[in-house]
Amino acid sequence: MKKNILLLLLSALIIPFTSYAQCVATADNGDYTVTLNIYPQAIIPSSSSCLYGFNYNISVGYDIQITGTNPPSPASTALYTSQGTITCNNGTNGNQSIFIDLNNGVSSTTTTSTSNPYSSLSDCNTATPASYNCSSFSYEVQGPGLSKVVNCSATSFAMPVQIVSFNGKNKNGYNDLKWKIANPIDFDYFQVQRSFDSKSFETVSEKIPLRNTEDYYWSEKSNLSNNFNYYRLLMKDKDGSIRFSKIISIQNFSNETDLVLYPNPVVSELNIAWNSKIFEPTKMKVLDLKGNEILNTKPATKIDLKNLPSGTYQITLMDDIGIKMSEKIVKMN
């Protein structure tokens, strides 16, 4: 695959807590775009005693977004390569290139380099990414139809907010989301976005402002017309910048949604049970195996089938928007 080199040069202004390095690369066919936001956070010295210098690494926070009309999937591992080098210069040892290994897909996390360059200074207890001018980043990204190197510059040395964890589960007919944050700086609000295909997202929550807590919760009723719902967090900073969390999936269906028919086989009275917290049917039909409608009535927890000829039938419950639950029974005389 022929490499296309995309150079994006940004001025290296150090304006703490207002913006961040953003590296953008688009696939050759335009199907998708990878956006990396990276925030140098701290110099990690090898020792707290450094009279004669010290080795160090750098911790960074970052998030990776993949957007477009036809992004590769699964989003969390969509890329072949996602890595780069950050250049630091403490004014004495010249430019030092430090390798940073990043996740190969959509993510929002932190990592620490392992290059271990040497500083001849004795400032191991006070050194920061700003004092070492760790502002230049070269991002190498490869994926389907994509092979580029993007050069960009950091203009901030802190993430407006860090997502420590983000997960969800289906419980009692609702999809419950929860996330934990750390170190919010100049952060404005969250919004929950949902997708049925993990590609096209819509905003489904009100603005969730920053509160005096690390833990956040949001919930909505399960959509039984889809097997999975996909969720992500839109995160807006006070400078207007927008980022996205990783994508999580929740299976809408569970054993709680099963339609239960008993006894089966049945001779006369059939008992019917479903989870009314999850599914609210308005119609009930009895069909033969050819699809002929034998009975059309309101949902009930019991139905008398003693006059029904022996054979195999399908019991179907349906709600007002057409969502169905069906099970087969065997009728005996």
Protein backbone atom coordinates (compact mmCIF):
# COMPACT_ATOMS: atom_id res chain seq x y z
CA MET A 1 0.00 0.00 0.00
CA LYS A 2 1.41 3.36 -1.01
CA LYS A 3 1.95 5.70 1.92
CA ASN A 4 0.49 9.15 1.74
CA ILE A 5 2.11 11.60 4.12
CA LEU A 6 -0.21 14.19 5.57
CA LEU A 7 1.50 17.03 7.43
CA LEU A 8 -0.61 19.15 9.73
CA LEU A 9 1.54 21.88 11.30
CA LEU A 10 0.06 23.80 14.21
CA SER A 11 1.70 26.63 16.10
CA ALA A 12 3.19 25.48 19.42
CA LEU A 13 1.56 28.05 21.69
CA ILE A 14 1.46 26.92 25.29
CA ILE A 15 -1.97 27.97 26.56
CA PRO A 16 -2.78 25.64 29.47
CA PHE A 17 -6.28 24.17 29.74
CA THR A 18 -7.71 25.77 26.58
CA SER A 19 -7.10 23.22 23.81
CA TYR A 20 -5.02 20.17 22.88
CA ALA A 21 -3.11 18.52 20.06
CA GLN A 22 -5.49 17.18 17.44
CA CYS A 23 -4.18 14.89 14.70
CA VAL A 24 -6.61 14.08 11.87
CA ALA A 25 -6.19 11.47 9.11
CA THR A 26 -8.78 10.48 6.49
CA ALA A 27 -8.86 7.22 4.52
CA ASP A 28 -7.90 7.45 0.85
CA ASN A 29 -11.48 6.74 -0.31
CA GLY A 30 -12.99 9.20 2.20
CA ASP A 31 -14.99 6.48 4.00
CA TYR A 32 -13.78 7.39 7.46
CA THR A 33 -11.62 9.77 9.48
CA VAL A 34 -9.43 9.06 12.51
CA THR A 35 -9.09 11.90 15.01
CA LEU A 36 -6.55 11.73 17.85
CA ASN A 37 -6.67 14.23 20.72
CA ILE A 38 -3.59 13.94 22.91
CA TYR A 39 -2.71 15.70 26.16
CA PRO A 40 0.79 15.52 27.71
CA GLN A 41 0.13 15.20 31.44
CA ALA A 42 3.26 14.59 33.49
CA ILE A 43 7.00 13.90 33.46
CA ILE A 44 7.64 10.59 35.27
CA PRO A 45 11.22 10.56 36.64
CA SER A 46 13.06 7.33 37.31
CA SER A 47 14.19 8.68 40.68
CA SER A 48 13.34 11.45 43.11
CA SER A 49 17.06 12.11 43.58
CA CYS A 50 18.70 13.65 40.53
CA LEU A 51 21.76 15.66 41.48
CA TYR A 52 23.52 14.33 38.36
CA GLY A 53 20.48 14.05 36.10
CA PHE A 54 17.81 11.43 35.64
CA ASN A 55 15.95 9.28 33.14
CA TYR A 56 12.27 9.96 32.60
CA ASN A 57 9.12 9.04 30.73
CA ILE A 58 5.99 11.01 29.95
CA SER A 59 2.37 10.19 30.69
CA VAL A 60 -0.28 11.33 28.23
CA GLY A 61 -4.05 11.28 28.11
CA TYR A 62 -5.68 10.74 24.75
CA ASP A 63 -8.85 9.84 22.94
CA ILE A 64 -9.29 8.35 19.46
CA GLN A 65 -12.44 8.83 17.40
CA ILE A 66 -13.35 7.10 14.13
CA THR A 67 -16.15 8.74 12.17
CA GLY A 68 -17.52 8.68 8.62
CA THR A 69 -20.00 7.00 6.31
CA ASN A 70 -18.31 3.60 6.36
CA PRO A 71 -15.92 3.27 9.31
CA PRO A 72 -14.17 -0.07 9.90
CA SER A 73 -15.40 -2.31 12.71
CA PRO A 74 -15.20 -3.28 15.44
CA ALA A 75 -14.42 0.31 16.34
CA SER A 76 -12.26 -0.59 19.36
CA THR A 77 -9.76 -2.54 17.19
CA ALA A 78 -10.39 -1.05 13.75
CA LEU A 79 -6.84 0.16 13.08
CA TYR A 80 -3.72 -1.82 12.17
CA THR A 81 -1.28 0.69 13.68
CA SER A 82 -1.78 3.60 16.08
CA GLN A 83 1.40 5.03 17.57
CA GLY A 84 3.67 8.02 17.50
CA THR A 85 6.49 10.02 19.01
CA ILE A 86 6.32 13.08 21.20
CA THR A 87 9.30 15.44 21.11
CA CYS A 88 10.51 17.12 24.31
CA ASN A 89 13.27 19.72 24.68
CA ASN A 90 14.38 20.86 28.15
CA GLY A 91 16.70 23.51 26.70
CA THR A 92 19.86 21.56 27.52
CA ASN A 93 19.71 18.09 25.99
CA GLY A 94 18.21 19.04 22.63
CA ASN A 95 15.20 17.36 21.01
CA GLN A 96 14.34 13.97 22.54
CA SER A 97 11.86 11.76 20.67
CA ILE A 98 9.77 9.59 22.98
CA PHE A 99 7.75 6.68 21.57
CA ILE A 100 4.07 6.44 22.56
CA ASP A 101 2.07 3.25 21.86
CA LEU A 102 -1.68 3.95 21.49
CA ASN A 103 -4.80 1.79 21.27
CA ASN A 104 -5.77 0.57 17.80
CA GLY A 105 -9.29 2.00 17.83
CA VAL A 106 -11.87 4.16 19.54
CA SER A 107 -10.79 4.82 23.11
CA SER A 108 -10.37 7.41 25.84
CA THR A 109 -7.57 6.59 28.28
CA THR A 110 -4.03 7.34 29.47
CA THR A 111 -0.67 5.71 28.86
CA THR A 112 3.00 6.17 29.81
CA SER A 113 5.98 5.95 27.47
CA THR A 114 8.86 3.49 27.99
CA SER A 115 11.64 5.21 25.99
CA ASN A 116 13.41 6.45 29.15
CA PRO A 117 15.44 9.39 27.73
CA TYR A 118 18.09 11.09 29.87
CA SER A 119 17.94 14.62 31.28
CA SER A 120 21.16 16.16 32.61
CA LEU A 121 19.18 18.64 34.70
CA SER A 122 18.42 18.25 38.42
CA ASP A 123 14.72 19.14 38.21
CA CYS A 124 13.25 15.65 38.54
CA ASN A 125 10.82 16.81 41.24
CA THR A 126 9.56 19.86 39.34
CA ALA A 127 9.79 18.95 35.64
CA THR A 128 6.54 19.15 33.66
CA PRO A 129 5.58 18.63 30.01
CA ALA A 130 5.35 22.41 29.73
CA SER A 131 8.83 23.06 31.19
CA TYR A 132 10.25 20.37 28.89
CA ASN A 133 8.29 21.76 25.92
CA CYS A 134 6.76 18.36 25.07
CA SER A 135 4.50 19.93 22.49
CA SER A 136 5.25 18.25 19.14
CA PHE A 137 3.63 14.92 18.27
CA SER A 138 3.96 12.75 15.15
CA TYR A 139 1.09 10.28 14.78
CA GLU A 140 1.43 7.17 12.61
CA VAL A 141 -1.92 5.57 11.79
CA GLN A 142 -2.77 2.66 9.50
CA GLY A 143 -6.09 1.00 8.78
CA PRO A 144 -8.21 -0.21 5.84
CA GLY A 145 -7.34 2.17 2.99
CA LEU A 146 -5.36 4.39 5.35
CA SER A 147 -1.61 4.80 5.90
CA LYS A 148 -0.53 8.25 7.05
CA VAL A 149 1.73 10.19 9.37
CA VAL A 150 0.26 13.33 10.90
CA ASN A 151 2.38 15.95 12.66
CA CYS A 152 0.60 18.15 15.18
CA SER A 153 1.37 20.29 18.21
CA ALA A 154 0.09 20.19 21.78
CA THR A 155 -1.37 23.44 23.07
CA SER A 156 -2.48 22.11 26.46
CA PHE A 157 -1.00 19.93 29.16
CA ALA A 158 -4.15 18.55 30.81
CA MET A 159 -7.26 16.68 29.70
CA PRO A 160 -10.47 18.65 30.39
CA VAL A 161 -11.90 15.41 31.79
CA GLN A 162 -10.71 11.82 32.00
CA ILE A 163 -13.12 8.90 31.63
CA VAL A 164 -11.96 6.35 34.20
CA SER A 165 -14.65 3.80 33.30
CA PHE A 166 -17.76 3.62 31.11
CA ASN A 167 -20.10 0.60 31.00
CA GLY A 168 -23.73 -0.43 30.86
CA LYS A 169 -26.14 -3.34 31.24
CA ASN A 170 -29.74 -4.31 30.64
CA LYS A 171 -31.79 -4.65 33.82
CA ASN A 172 -35.56 -4.88 34.32
CA GLY A 173 -36.28 -3.64 30.82
CA TYR A 174 -33.92 -0.65 30.96
CA ASN A 175 -30.45 -0.02 29.59
CA ASP A 176 -28.49 1.49 32.48
CA LEU A 177 -25.27 3.43 31.78
CA LYS A 178 -22.73 4.53 34.34
CA TRP A 179 -19.37 6.23 34.05
CA LYS A 180 -16.68 7.51 36.39
CA ILE A 181 -14.55 10.61 35.71
CA ALA A 182 -11.37 12.16 37.10
CA ASN A 183 -9.56 15.49 36.92
CA PRO A 184 -12.26 17.66 35.28
CA ILE A 185 -10.72 20.94 34.09
CA ASP A 186 -12.71 23.55 32.14
CA PHE A 187 -15.29 20.86 31.29
CA ASP A 188 -18.88 21.77 30.41
CA TYR A 189 -21.26 18.80 29.93
CA PHE A 190 -21.94 15.24 28.73
CA GLN A 191 -24.63 13.96 26.37
CA VAL A 192 -25.48 10.31 25.76
CA GLN A 193 -25.59 9.21 22.11
CA ARG A 194 -27.15 5.97 20.86
CA SER A 195 -26.80 3.90 17.70
CA PHE A 196 -28.39 0.70 16.42
CA ASP A 197 -25.48 -0.13 14.07
CA SER A 198 -22.44 1.34 15.96
CA LYS A 199 -21.91 3.79 13.08
CA SER A 200 -24.70 6.40 12.99
CA PHE A 201 -25.34 8.01 16.38
CA GLU A 202 -28.09 10.30 17.66
CA THR A 203 -28.19 12.29 20.89
CA VAL A 204 -30.77 10.80 23.28
CA SER A 205 -30.15 12.65 26.54
CA GLU A 206 -30.35 16.17 27.83
CA LYS A 207 -27.12 17.98 28.68
CA ILE A 208 -25.60 16.39 31.77
CA PRO A 209 -23.52 19.12 33.43
CA LEU A 210 -20.40 18.63 35.51
CA ARG A 211 -21.40 17.94 39.12
CA ASN A 212 -19.57 17.56 42.41
CA THR A 213 -19.20 13.81 41.95
CA GLU A 214 -17.05 11.26 40.12
CA ASP A 215 -19.97 8.96 39.28
CA TYR A 216 -22.65 9.55 36.65
CA TYR A 217 -25.72 7.50 35.68
CA TRP A 218 -28.25 7.51 32.83
CA SER A 219 -30.97 5.07 31.81
CA GLU A 220 -33.53 4.45 29.07
CA LYS A 221 -36.07 1.75 28.29
CA SER A 222 -34.80 -1.14 26.16
CA ASN A 223 -35.66 -1.14 22.46
CA LEU A 224 -36.86 -4.69 21.76
CA SER A 225 -36.83 -4.15 17.98
CA ASN A 226 -33.02 -4.28 18.06
CA ASN A 227 -30.77 -6.97 19.48
CA PHE A 228 -28.09 -4.47 20.54
CA ASN A 229 -27.95 -0.77 21.38
CA TYR A 230 -24.61 1.04 21.12
CA TYR A 231 -23.79 4.04 23.29
CA ARG A 232 -21.08 6.67 23.55
CA LEU A 233 -20.61 9.89 25.50
CA LEU A 234 -20.33 13.26 23.79
CA MET A 235 -18.07 15.44 25.94
CA LYS A 236 -18.02 19.20 25.43
CA ASP A 237 -15.39 21.46 26.97
CA LYS A 238 -15.90 25.11 27.86
CA ASP A 239 -13.79 26.19 24.88
CA GLY A 240 -16.36 24.51 22.59
CA SER A 241 -14.23 21.46 21.78
CA ILE A 242 -16.14 18.19 21.42
CA ARG A 243 -14.78 14.70 22.03
CA PHE A 244 -16.33 11.24 22.26
CA SER A 245 -15.85 8.31 24.62
CA LYS A 246 -15.35 4.73 23.60
CA ILE A 247 -18.44 2.89 22.29
CA ILE A 248 -20.13 0.28 24.48
CA SER A 249 -22.86 -2.21 23.51
CA ILE A 250 -25.82 -3.49 25.51
CA GLN A 251 -27.91 -6.50 24.50
CA ASN A 252 -31.56 -5.53 24.71
CA PHE A 253 -32.81 -9.09 24.94
CA SER A 254 -32.34 -11.37 27.91
CA ASN A 255 -34.16 -14.31 29.46
CA GLU A 256 -36.40 -11.75 31.14
CA THR A 257 -38.05 -11.01 27.79
CA ASP A 258 -39.06 -14.62 26.99
CA LEU A 259 -42.65 -15.48 26.27
CA VAL A 260 -43.53 -18.44 28.47
CA LEU A 261 -46.37 -20.84 27.53
CA TYR A 262 -47.44 -23.74 29.76
CA PRO A 263 -48.42 -26.50 29.92
CA ASN A 264 -46.93 -27.44 26.55
CA PRO A 265 -48.32 -29.73 25.13
CA VAL A 266 -51.69 -28.35 26.16
CA VAL A 267 -55.14 -29.98 26.24
CA SER A 268 -57.43 -27.10 27.21
CA GLU A 269 -56.29 -24.09 29.25
CA LEU A 270 -52.99 -22.46 28.25
CA ASN A 271 -51.14 -20.16 30.65
CA ILE A 272 -49.26 -17.23 29.08
CA ALA A 273 -46.57 -15.18 30.85
CA TRP A 274 -44.24 -12.33 29.82
CA ASN A 275 -42.29 -9.58 31.54
CA SER A 276 -44.69 -6.62 31.58
CA LYS A 277 -41.87 -4.28 32.69
CA ILE A 278 -40.19 -4.84 29.35
CA PHE A 279 -42.99 -5.66 26.89
CA GLU A 280 -46.52 -4.25 26.76
CA PRO A 281 -48.50 -6.20 24.11
CA THR A 282 -51.86 -4.97 22.80
CA LYS A 283 -52.74 -7.92 20.53
CA MET A 284 -52.55 -11.70 20.74
CA LYS A 285 -52.90 -14.09 17.80
CA VAL A 286 -53.03 -17.85 17.39
CA LEU A 287 -51.73 -19.03 14.00
CA ASP A 288 -51.44 -22.46 12.40
CA LEU A 289 -48.20 -23.56 10.74
CA LYS A 290 -49.41 -22.22 7.38
CA GLY A 291 -49.79 -18.74 8.87
CA ASN A 292 -53.59 -18.83 8.93
CA GLU A 293 -55.07 -16.75 11.73
CA ILE A 294 -57.10 -18.92 14.09
CA LEU A 295 -57.70 -16.36 16.83
CA ASN A 296 -57.15 -12.60 17.23
CA THR A 297 -57.82 -11.22 20.69
CA LYS A 298 -56.50 -9.01 23.49
CA PRO A 299 -53.53 -10.31 25.49
CA ALA A 300 -54.46 -12.52 28.43
CA THR A 301 -52.61 -14.66 30.92
CA LYS A 302 -54.94 -17.61 30.21
CA ILE A 303 -56.68 -18.82 27.06
CA ASP A 304 -59.07 -21.74 26.51
CA LEU A 305 -57.98 -23.95 23.58
CA LYS A 306 -60.15 -27.02 24.26
CA ASN A 307 -62.06 -26.61 20.97
CA LEU A 308 -58.87 -26.23 18.90
CA PRO A 309 -58.02 -29.27 16.71
CA SER A 310 -54.84 -31.13 17.63
CA GLY A 311 -51.68 -29.88 15.97
CA THR A 312 -48.87 -27.34 16.29
CA TYR A 313 -49.70 -23.63 16.60
CA GLN A 314 -47.90 -20.35 17.14
CA ILE A 315 -48.89 -17.89 19.85
CA THR A 316 -47.85 -14.31 18.96
CA LEU A 317 -48.05 -11.20 21.13
CA MET A 318 -47.62 -7.79 19.48
CA ASP A 319 -47.45 -4.22 20.73
CA ASP A 320 -48.66 -0.99 19.05
CA ILE A 321 -45.43 -0.40 17.10
CA GLY A 322 -45.25 -3.94 15.71
CA ILE A 323 -42.73 -5.59 18.06
CA LYS A 324 -43.56 -9.29 18.35
CA MET A 325 -42.88 -12.17 20.71
CA SER A 326 -43.80 -15.68 19.52
CA GLU A 327 -43.61 -19.26 20.74
CA LYS A 328 -45.00 -22.57 19.42
CA ILE A 329 -47.31 -24.94 21.30
CA VAL A 330 -48.55 -28.45 20.65
CA LYS A 331 -52.34 -28.93 21.08
CA MET A 332 -53.52 -32.39 22.13
CA ASN A 333 -57.05 -33.77 22.53
